[in-house]
Amino acid sequence: SGLALAVSAGFVLFSSAMILFETSQIIHGGERNYILAT
């Protein structure tokens, strides 16, 4: 259970970083396919 909680916390940080990365990829031209961006 303790590890499961740590994994959940890790996914919060990971998902937050992914939002920054994905949005940045779109506006800087790294992602041109809106289906994959979605």
ModelCIF file with pLDDT and N, C-alpha, C, O atoms, coordinates in Angstrom:
data_MODEL
#
_entry.id   MODEL 
#
_entity.id                         1 
_entity.type                       polymer 
_entity.pdbx_number_of_molecules   1 
#
_entity_poly.entity_id                      1 
_entity_poly.type                           'polypeptide(L)' 
_entity_poly.nstd_linkage                   no 
_entity_poly.nstd_monomer                   no 
_entity_poly.pdbx_seq_one_letter_code       SGLALAVSAGFVLFSSAMILFETSQIIHGGERNYILAT 
_entity_poly.pdbx_seq_one_letter_code_can   SGLALAVSAGFVLFSSAMILFETSQIIHGGERNYILAT 
_entity_poly.pdbx_strand_id                 A 
#
loop_
_entity_poly_seq.entity_id 
_entity_poly_seq.num 
_entity_poly_seq.mon_id 
_entity_poly_seq.hetero 
1 1  SER n 
1 2  GLY n 
1 3  LEU n 
1 4  ALA n 
1 5  LEU n 
1 6  ALA n 
1 7  VAL n 
1 8  SER n 
1 9  ALA n 
1 10 GLY n 
1 11 PHE n 
1 12 VAL n 
1 13 LEU n 
1 14 PHE n 
1 15 SER n 
1 16 SER n 
1 17 ALA n 
1 18 MET n 
1 19 ILE n 
1 20 LEU n 
1 21 PHE n 
1 22 GLU n 
1 23 THR n 
1 24 SER n 
1 25 GLN n 
1 26 ILE n 
1 27 ILE n 
1 28 HIS n 
1 29 GLY n 
1 30 GLY n 
1 31 GLU n 
1 32 ARG n 
1 33 ASN n 
1 34 TYR n 
1 35 ILE n 
1 36 LEU n 
1 37 ALA n 
1 38 THR n 
#
_struct_asym.id          A 
_struct_asym.entity_id   1 
#
loop_
_ma_qa_metric.id 
_ma_qa_metric.mode 
_ma_qa_metric.name 
_ma_qa_metric.software_group_id 
_ma_qa_metric.type 
1 global pLDDT . pLDDT 
2 local  pLDDT . pLDDT 
#
_ma_qa_metric_global.metric_id      1 
_ma_qa_metric_global.metric_value   93.66 
_ma_qa_metric_global.model_id       1 
_ma_qa_metric_global.ordinal_id     1 
#
loop_
_ma_qa_metric_local.label_asym_id 
_ma_qa_metric_local.label_comp_id 
_ma_qa_metric_local.label_seq_id 
_ma_qa_metric_local.metric_id 
_ma_qa_metric_local.metric_value 
_ma_qa_metric_local.model_id 
_ma_qa_metric_local.ordinal_id 
A SER 1  2 80.00 1 1  
A GLY 2  2 85.00 1 2  
A LEU 3  2 87.00 1 3  
A ALA 4  2 88.00 1 4  
A LEU 5  2 91.00 1 5  
A ALA 6  2 92.00 1 6  
A VAL 7  2 93.00 1 7  
A SER 8  2 94.00 1 8  
A ALA 9  2 95.00 1 9  
A GLY 10 2 95.00 1 10 
A PHE 11 2 95.00 1 11 
A VAL 12 2 96.00 1 12 
A LEU 13 2 96.00 1 13 
A PHE 14 2 96.00 1 14 
A SER 15 2 97.00 1 15 
A SER 16 2 97.00 1 16 
A ALA 17 2 96.00 1 17 
A MET 18 2 97.00 1 18 
A ILE 19 2 97.00 1 19 
A LEU 20 2 97.00 1 20 
A PHE 21 2 96.00 1 21 
A GLU 22 2 96.00 1 22 
A THR 23 2 96.00 1 23 
A SER 24 2 95.00 1 24 
A GLN 25 2 95.00 1 25 
A ILE 26 2 94.00 1 26 
A ILE 27 2 92.00 1 27 
A HIS 28 2 91.00 1 28 
A GLY 29 2 86.00 1 29 
A GLY 30 2 88.00 1 30 
A GLU 31 2 92.00 1 31 
A ARG 32 2 93.00 1 32 
A ASN 33 2 96.00 1 33 
A TYR 34 2 96.00 1 34 
A ILE 35 2 97.00 1 35 
A LEU 36 2 97.00 1 36 
A ALA 37 2 97.00 1 37 
A THR 38 2 98.00 1 38 
#
loop_
_atom_site.group_PDB 
_atom_site.id 
_atom_site.type_symbol 
_atom_site.label_atom_id 
_atom_site.label_alt_id 
_atom_site.label_comp_id 
_atom_site.label_asym_id 
_atom_site.label_entity_id 
_atom_site.label_seq_id 
_atom_site.pdbx_PDB_ins_code 
_atom_site.Cartn_x 
_atom_site.Cartn_y 
_atom_site.Cartn_z 
_atom_site.occupancy 
_atom_site.B_iso_or_equiv 
_atom_site.pdbx_formal_charge 
_atom_site.auth_seq_id 
_atom_site.auth_comp_id 
_atom_site.auth_asym_id 
_atom_site.auth_atom_id 
_atom_site.pdbx_PDB_model_num 
ATOM 1   N N  . SER A 1 1  ? 0.817  -1.215 0.000   1.00 80.00 ? 1  SER A N  1 
ATOM 2   C CA . SER A 1 1  ? 0.000  0.000  0.000   1.00 80.00 ? 1  SER A CA 1 
ATOM 3   C C  . SER A 1 1  ? 0.855  1.271  0.000   1.00 80.00 ? 1  SER A C  1 
ATOM 4   O O  . SER A 1 1  ? 0.520  2.249  -0.668  1.00 80.00 ? 1  SER A O  1 
ATOM 5   N N  . GLY A 1 2  ? 1.960  1.250  0.754   1.00 85.00 ? 2  GLY A N  1 
ATOM 6   C CA . GLY A 1 2  ? 2.825  2.423  0.803   1.00 85.00 ? 2  GLY A CA 1 
ATOM 7   C C  . GLY A 1 2  ? 3.425  2.740  -0.547  1.00 85.00 ? 2  GLY A C  1 
ATOM 8   O O  . GLY A 1 2  ? 3.521  3.904  -0.934  1.00 85.00 ? 2  GLY A O  1 
ATOM 9   N N  . LEU A 1 3  ? 3.830  1.706  -1.268  1.00 87.00 ? 3  LEU A N  1 
ATOM 10  C CA . LEU A 1 3  ? 4.402  1.898  -2.599  1.00 87.00 ? 3  LEU A CA 1 
ATOM 11  C C  . LEU A 1 3  ? 3.332  2.383  -3.569  1.00 87.00 ? 3  LEU A C  1 
ATOM 12  O O  . LEU A 1 3  ? 3.602  3.208  -4.442  1.00 87.00 ? 3  LEU A O  1 
ATOM 13  N N  . ALA A 1 4  ? 2.103  1.859  -3.408  1.00 88.00 ? 4  ALA A N  1 
ATOM 14  C CA . ALA A 1 4  ? 1.003  2.290  -4.275  1.00 88.00 ? 4  ALA A CA 1 
ATOM 15  C C  . ALA A 1 4  ? 0.741  3.787  -4.115  1.00 88.00 ? 4  ALA A C  1 
ATOM 16  O O  . ALA A 1 4  ? 0.478  4.489  -5.091  1.00 88.00 ? 4  ALA A O  1 
ATOM 17  N N  . LEU A 1 5  ? 0.817  4.268  -2.869  1.00 91.00 ? 5  LEU A N  1 
ATOM 18  C CA . LEU A 1 5  ? 0.623  5.696  -2.619  1.00 91.00 ? 5  LEU A CA 1 
ATOM 19  C C  . LEU A 1 5  ? 1.753  6.511  -3.249  1.00 91.00 ? 5  LEU A C  1 
ATOM 20  O O  . LEU A 1 5  ? 1.515  7.576  -3.818  1.00 91.00 ? 5  LEU A O  1 
ATOM 21  N N  . ALA A 1 6  ? 2.977  6.006  -3.144  1.00 92.00 ? 6  ALA A N  1 
ATOM 22  C CA . ALA A 1 6  ? 4.120  6.691  -3.747  1.00 92.00 ? 6  ALA A CA 1 
ATOM 23  C C  . ALA A 1 6  ? 3.982  6.731  -5.267  1.00 92.00 ? 6  ALA A C  1 
ATOM 24  O O  . ALA A 1 6  ? 4.341  7.724  -5.900  1.00 92.00 ? 6  ALA A O  1 
ATOM 25  N N  . VAL A 1 7  ? 3.462  5.651  -5.852  1.00 93.00 ? 7  VAL A N  1 
ATOM 26  C CA . VAL A 1 7  ? 3.252  5.604  -7.301  1.00 93.00 ? 7  VAL A CA 1 
ATOM 27  C C  . VAL A 1 7  ? 2.217  6.650  -7.715  1.00 93.00 ? 7  VAL A C  1 
ATOM 28  O O  . VAL A 1 7  ? 2.385  7.324  -8.731  1.00 93.00 ? 7  VAL A O  1 
ATOM 29  N N  . SER A 1 8  ? 1.153  6.783  -6.931  1.00 94.00 ? 8  SER A N  1 
ATOM 30  C CA . SER A 1 8  ? 0.127  7.787  -7.231  1.00 94.00 ? 8  SER A CA 1 
ATOM 31  C C  . SER A 1 8  ? 0.716  9.191  -7.190  1.00 94.00 ? 8  SER A C  1 
ATOM 32  O O  . SER A 1 8  ? 0.431  10.016 -8.058  1.00 94.00 ? 8  SER A O  1 
ATOM 33  N N  . ALA A 1 9  ? 1.531  9.457  -6.186  1.00 95.00 ? 9  ALA A N  1 
ATOM 34  C CA . ALA A 1 9  ? 2.190  10.766 -6.090  1.00 95.00 ? 9  ALA A CA 1 
ATOM 35  C C  . ALA A 1 9  ? 3.131  10.975 -7.276  1.00 95.00 ? 9  ALA A C  1 
ATOM 36  O O  . ALA A 1 9  ? 3.227  12.075 -7.820  1.00 95.00 ? 9  ALA A O  1 
ATOM 37  N N  . GLY A 1 10 ? 3.824  9.902  -7.667  1.00 95.00 ? 10 GLY A N  1 
ATOM 38  C CA . GLY A 1 10 ? 4.715  9.987  -8.817  1.00 95.00 ? 10 GLY A CA 1 
ATOM 39  C C  . GLY A 1 10 ? 3.960  10.285 -10.100 1.00 95.00 ? 10 GLY A C  1 
ATOM 40  O O  . GLY A 1 10 ? 4.435  11.044 -10.945 1.00 95.00 ? 10 GLY A O  1 
ATOM 41  N N  . PHE A 1 11 ? 2.786  9.690  -10.247 1.00 95.00 ? 11 PHE A N  1 
ATOM 42  C CA . PHE A 1 11 ? 1.983  9.924  -11.446 1.00 95.00 ? 11 PHE A CA 1 
ATOM 43  C C  . PHE A 1 11 ? 1.440  11.356 -11.485 1.00 95.00 ? 11 PHE A C  1 
ATOM 44  O O  . PHE A 1 11 ? 1.254  11.919 -12.563 1.00 95.00 ? 11 PHE A O  1 
ATOM 45  N N  . VAL A 1 12 ? 1.190  11.937 -10.327 1.00 96.00 ? 12 VAL A N  1 
ATOM 46  C CA . VAL A 1 12 ? 0.755  13.337 -10.288 1.00 96.00 ? 12 VAL A CA 1 
ATOM 47  C C  . VAL A 1 12 ? 1.856  14.231 -10.856 1.00 96.00 ? 12 VAL A C  1 
ATOM 48  O O  . VAL A 1 12 ? 1.591  15.099 -11.688 1.00 96.00 ? 12 VAL A O  1 
ATOM 49  N N  . LEU A 1 13 ? 3.091  14.015 -10.404 1.00 96.00 ? 13 LEU A N  1 
ATOM 50  C CA . LEU A 1 13 ? 4.223  14.799 -10.912 1.00 96.00 ? 13 LEU A CA 1 
ATOM 51  C C  . LEU A 1 13 ? 4.476  14.506 -12.386 1.00 96.00 ? 13 LEU A C  1 
ATOM 52  O O  . LEU A 1 13 ? 4.720  15.416 -13.178 1.00 96.00 ? 13 LEU A O  1 
ATOM 53  N N  . PHE A 1 14 ? 4.414  13.224 -12.746 1.00 96.00 ? 14 PHE A N  1 
ATOM 54  C CA . PHE A 1 14 ? 4.664  12.820 -14.129 1.00 96.00 ? 14 PHE A CA 1 
ATOM 55  C C  . PHE A 1 14 ? 3.621  13.421 -15.069 1.00 96.00 ? 14 PHE A C  1 
ATOM 56  O O  . PHE A 1 14 ? 3.969  13.948 -16.125 1.00 96.00 ? 14 PHE A O  1 
ATOM 57  N N  . SER A 1 15 ? 2.354  13.343 -14.692 1.00 97.00 ? 15 SER A N  1 
ATOM 58  C CA . SER A 1 15 ? 1.282  13.873 -15.527 1.00 97.00 ? 15 SER A CA 1 
ATOM 59  C C  . SER A 1 15 ? 1.386  15.386 -15.666 1.00 97.00 ? 15 SER A C  1 
ATOM 60  O O  . SER A 1 15 ? 1.123  15.934 -16.737 1.00 97.00 ? 15 SER A O  1 
ATOM 61  N N  . SER A 1 16 ? 1.765  16.054 -14.597 1.00 97.00 ? 16 SER A N  1 
ATOM 62  C CA . SER A 1 16 ? 1.942  17.509 -14.650 1.00 97.00 ? 16 SER A CA 1 
ATOM 63  C C  . SER A 1 16 ? 3.057  17.878 -15.611 1.00 97.00 ? 16 SER A C  1 
ATOM 64  O O  . SER A 1 16 ? 2.925  18.817 -16.398 1.00 97.00 ? 16 SER A O  1 
ATOM 65  N N  . ALA A 1 17 ? 4.154  17.139 -15.547 1.00 96.00 ? 17 ALA A N  1 
ATOM 66  C CA . ALA A 1 17 ? 5.266  17.381 -16.460 1.00 96.00 ? 17 ALA A CA 1 
ATOM 67  C C  . ALA A 1 17 ? 4.863  17.089 -17.900 1.00 96.00 ? 17 ALA A C  1 
ATOM 68  O O  . ALA A 1 17 ? 5.297  17.779 -18.822 1.00 96.00 ? 17 ALA A O  1 
ATOM 69  N N  . MET A 1 18 ? 4.031  16.063 -18.093 1.00 97.00 ? 18 MET A N  1 
ATOM 70  C CA . MET A 1 18 ? 3.565  15.709 -19.434 1.00 97.00 ? 18 MET A CA 1 
ATOM 71  C C  . MET A 1 18 ? 2.707  16.820 -20.031 1.00 97.00 ? 18 MET A C  1 
ATOM 72  O O  . MET A 1 18 ? 2.790  17.095 -21.228 1.00 97.00 ? 18 MET A O  1 
ATOM 73  N N  . ILE A 1 19 ? 1.886  17.456 -19.206 1.00 97.00 ? 19 ILE A N  1 
ATOM 74  C CA . ILE A 1 19 ? 1.047  18.560 -19.695 1.00 97.00 ? 19 ILE A CA 1 
ATOM 75  C C  . ILE A 1 19 ? 1.931  19.710 -20.179 1.00 97.00 ? 19 ILE A C  1 
ATOM 76  O O  . ILE A 1 19 ? 1.685  20.293 -21.235 1.00 97.00 ? 19 ILE A O  1 
ATOM 77  N N  . LEU A 1 20 ? 2.961  20.027 -19.394 1.00 97.00 ? 20 LEU A N  1 
ATOM 78  C CA . LEU A 1 20 ? 3.907  21.064 -19.812 1.00 97.00 ? 20 LEU A CA 1 
ATOM 79  C C  . LEU A 1 20 ? 4.592  20.677 -21.119 1.00 97.00 ? 20 LEU A C  1 
ATOM 80  O O  . LEU A 1 20 ? 4.692  21.486 -22.042 1.00 97.00 ? 20 LEU A O  1 
ATOM 81  N N  . PHE A 1 21 ? 5.057  19.449 -21.189 1.00 96.00 ? 21 PHE A N  1 
ATOM 82  C CA . PHE A 1 21 ? 5.799  18.978 -22.354 1.00 96.00 ? 21 PHE A CA 1 
ATOM 83  C C  . PHE A 1 21 ? 4.914  18.941 -23.599 1.00 96.00 ? 21 PHE A C  1 
ATOM 84  O O  . PHE A 1 21 ? 5.303  19.452 -24.649 1.00 96.00 ? 21 PHE A O  1 
ATOM 85  N N  . GLU A 1 22 ? 3.733  18.342 -23.490 1.00 96.00 ? 22 GLU A N  1 
ATOM 86  C CA . GLU A 1 22 ? 2.845  18.190 -24.649 1.00 96.00 ? 22 GLU A CA 1 
ATOM 87  C C  . GLU A 1 22 ? 2.394  19.549 -25.187 1.00 96.00 ? 22 GLU A C  1 
ATOM 88  O O  . GLU A 1 22 ? 2.398  19.776 -26.396 1.00 96.00 ? 22 GLU A O  1 
ATOM 89  N N  . THR A 1 23 ? 2.008  20.442 -24.286 1.00 96.00 ? 23 THR A N  1 
ATOM 90  C CA . THR A 1 23 ? 1.569  21.775 -24.721 1.00 96.00 ? 23 THR A CA 1 
ATOM 91  C C  . THR A 1 23 ? 2.717  22.529 -25.382 1.00 96.00 ? 23 THR A C  1 
ATOM 92  O O  . THR A 1 23 ? 2.527  23.208 -26.392 1.00 96.00 ? 23 THR A O  1 
ATOM 93  N N  . SER A 1 24 ? 3.913  22.404 -24.802 1.00 95.00 ? 24 SER A N  1 
ATOM 94  C CA . SER A 1 24 ? 5.089  23.038 -25.384 1.00 95.00 ? 24 SER A CA 1 
ATOM 95  C C  . SER A 1 24 ? 5.389  22.474 -26.770 1.00 95.00 ? 24 SER A C  1 
ATOM 96  O O  . SER A 1 24 ? 5.750  23.221 -27.679 1.00 95.00 ? 24 SER A O  1 
ATOM 97  N N  . GLN A 1 25 ? 5.243  21.173 -26.934 1.00 95.00 ? 25 GLN A N  1 
ATOM 98  C CA . GLN A 1 25 ? 5.482  20.543 -28.228 1.00 95.00 ? 25 GLN A CA 1 
ATOM 99  C C  . GLN A 1 25 ? 4.543  21.094 -29.300 1.00 95.00 ? 25 GLN A C  1 
ATOM 100 O O  . GLN A 1 25 ? 4.936  21.277 -30.452 1.00 95.00 ? 25 GLN A O  1 
ATOM 101 N N  . ILE A 1 26 ? 3.314  21.350 -28.910 1.00 94.00 ? 26 ILE A N  1 
ATOM 102 C CA . ILE A 1 26 ? 2.337  21.864 -29.869 1.00 94.00 ? 26 ILE A CA 1 
ATOM 103 C C  . ILE A 1 26 ? 2.706  23.273 -30.327 1.00 94.00 ? 26 ILE A C  1 
ATOM 104 O O  . ILE A 1 26 ? 2.768  23.544 -31.526 1.00 94.00 ? 26 ILE A O  1 
ATOM 105 N N  . ILE A 1 27 ? 2.948  24.165 -29.373 1.00 92.00 ? 27 ILE A N  1 
ATOM 106 C CA . ILE A 1 27 ? 3.155  25.565 -29.755 1.00 92.00 ? 27 ILE A CA 1 
ATOM 107 C C  . ILE A 1 27 ? 4.535  25.818 -30.359 1.00 92.00 ? 27 ILE A C  1 
ATOM 108 O O  . ILE A 1 27 ? 4.746  26.834 -31.021 1.00 92.00 ? 27 ILE A O  1 
ATOM 109 N N  . HIS A 1 28 ? 5.482  24.891 -30.131 1.00 91.00 ? 28 HIS A N  1 
ATOM 110 C CA . HIS A 1 28 ? 6.815  25.065 -30.710 1.00 91.00 ? 28 HIS A CA 1 
ATOM 111 C C  . HIS A 1 28 ? 7.034  24.188 -31.938 1.00 91.00 ? 28 HIS A C  1 
ATOM 112 O O  . HIS A 1 28 ? 8.152  24.090 -32.445 1.00 91.00 ? 28 HIS A O  1 
ATOM 113 N N  . GLY A 1 29 ? 5.967  23.550 -32.416 1.00 86.00 ? 29 GLY A N  1 
ATOM 114 C CA . GLY A 1 29 ? 6.062  22.808 -33.668 1.00 86.00 ? 29 GLY A CA 1 
ATOM 115 C C  . GLY A 1 29 ? 6.557  21.391 -33.554 1.00 86.00 ? 29 GLY A C  1 
ATOM 116 O O  . GLY A 1 29 ? 6.750  20.728 -34.573 1.00 86.00 ? 29 GLY A O  1 
ATOM 117 N N  . GLY A 1 30 ? 6.771  20.897 -32.333 1.00 88.00 ? 30 GLY A N  1 
ATOM 118 C CA . GLY A 1 30 ? 7.233  19.524 -32.180 1.00 88.00 ? 30 GLY A CA 1 
ATOM 119 C C  . GLY A 1 30 ? 6.145  18.500 -32.421 1.00 88.00 ? 30 GLY A C  1 
ATOM 120 O O  . GLY A 1 30 ? 6.438  17.337 -32.696 1.00 88.00 ? 30 GLY A O  1 
ATOM 121 N N  . GLU A 1 31 ? 4.890  18.919 -32.322 1.00 92.00 ? 31 GLU A N  1 
ATOM 122 C CA . GLU A 1 31 ? 3.746  18.036 -32.567 1.00 92.00 ? 31 GLU A CA 1 
ATOM 123 C C  . GLU A 1 31 ? 2.797  18.725 -33.534 1.00 92.00 ? 31 GLU A C  1 
ATOM 124 O O  . GLU A 1 31 ? 2.217  19.763 -33.217 1.00 92.00 ? 31 GLU A O  1 
ATOM 125 N N  . ARG A 1 32 ? 2.645  18.140 -34.715 1.00 93.00 ? 32 ARG A N  1 
ATOM 126 C CA . ARG A 1 32 ? 1.787  18.722 -35.734 1.00 93.00 ? 32 ARG A CA 1 
ATOM 127 C C  . ARG A 1 32 ? 0.516  17.907 -35.971 1.00 93.00 ? 32 ARG A C  1 
ATOM 128 O O  . ARG A 1 32 ? -0.316 18.280 -36.797 1.00 93.00 ? 32 ARG A O  1 
ATOM 129 N N  . ASN A 1 33 ? 0.367  16.803 -35.251 1.00 96.00 ? 33 ASN A N  1 
ATOM 130 C CA . ASN A 1 33 ? -0.811 15.957 -35.409 1.00 96.00 ? 33 ASN A CA 1 
ATOM 131 C C  . ASN A 1 33 ? -1.720 16.142 -34.200 1.00 96.00 ? 33 ASN A C  1 
ATOM 132 O O  . ASN A 1 33 ? -1.367 15.743 -33.090 1.00 96.00 ? 33 ASN A O  1 
ATOM 133 N N  . TYR A 1 34 ? -2.887 16.743 -34.409 1.00 96.00 ? 34 TYR A N  1 
ATOM 134 C CA . TYR A 1 34 ? -3.744 17.061 -33.262 1.00 96.00 ? 34 TYR A CA 1 
ATOM 135 C C  . TYR A 1 34 ? -4.369 15.832 -32.622 1.00 96.00 ? 34 TYR A C  1 
ATOM 136 O O  . TYR A 1 34 ? -4.782 15.878 -31.463 1.00 96.00 ? 34 TYR A O  1 
ATOM 137 N N  . ILE A 1 35 ? -4.443 14.730 -33.368 1.00 97.00 ? 35 ILE A N  1 
ATOM 138 C CA . ILE A 1 35 ? -4.980 13.493 -32.780 1.00 97.00 ? 35 ILE A CA 1 
ATOM 139 C C  . ILE A 1 35 ? -4.000 12.945 -31.747 1.00 97.00 ? 35 ILE A C  1 
ATOM 140 O O  . ILE A 1 35 ? -4.401 12.562 -30.648 1.00 97.00 ? 35 ILE A O  1 
ATOM 141 N N  . LEU A 1 36 ? -2.717 12.909 -32.100 1.00 97.00 ? 36 LEU A N  1 
ATOM 142 C CA . LEU A 1 36 ? -1.708 12.448 -31.148 1.00 97.00 ? 36 LEU A CA 1 
ATOM 143 C C  . LEU A 1 36 ? -1.550 13.424 -29.985 1.00 97.00 ? 36 LEU A C  1 
ATOM 144 O O  . LEU A 1 36 ? -1.313 13.013 -28.849 1.00 97.00 ? 36 LEU A O  1 
ATOM 145 N N  . ALA A 1 37 ? -1.684 14.723 -30.275 1.00 97.00 ? 37 ALA A N  1 
ATOM 146 C CA . ALA A 1 37 ? -1.608 15.722 -29.205 1.00 97.00 ? 37 ALA A CA 1 
ATOM 147 C C  . ALA A 1 37 ? -2.753 15.525 -28.215 1.00 97.00 ? 37 ALA A C  1 
ATOM 148 O O  . ALA A 1 37 ? -2.564 15.636 -27.004 1.00 97.00 ? 37 ALA A O  1 
ATOM 149 N N  . THR A 1 38 ? -3.931 15.236 -28.738 1.00 98.00 ? 38 THR A N  1 
ATOM 150 C CA . THR A 1 38 ? -5.089 14.971 -27.884 1.00 98.00 ? 38 THR A CA 1 
ATOM 151 C C  . THR A 1 38 ? -4.865 13.727 -27.041 1.00 98.00 ? 38 THR A C  1 
ATOM 152 O O  . THR A 1 38 ? -5.735 13.347 -26.258 1.00 98.00 ? 38 THR A O  1 
#
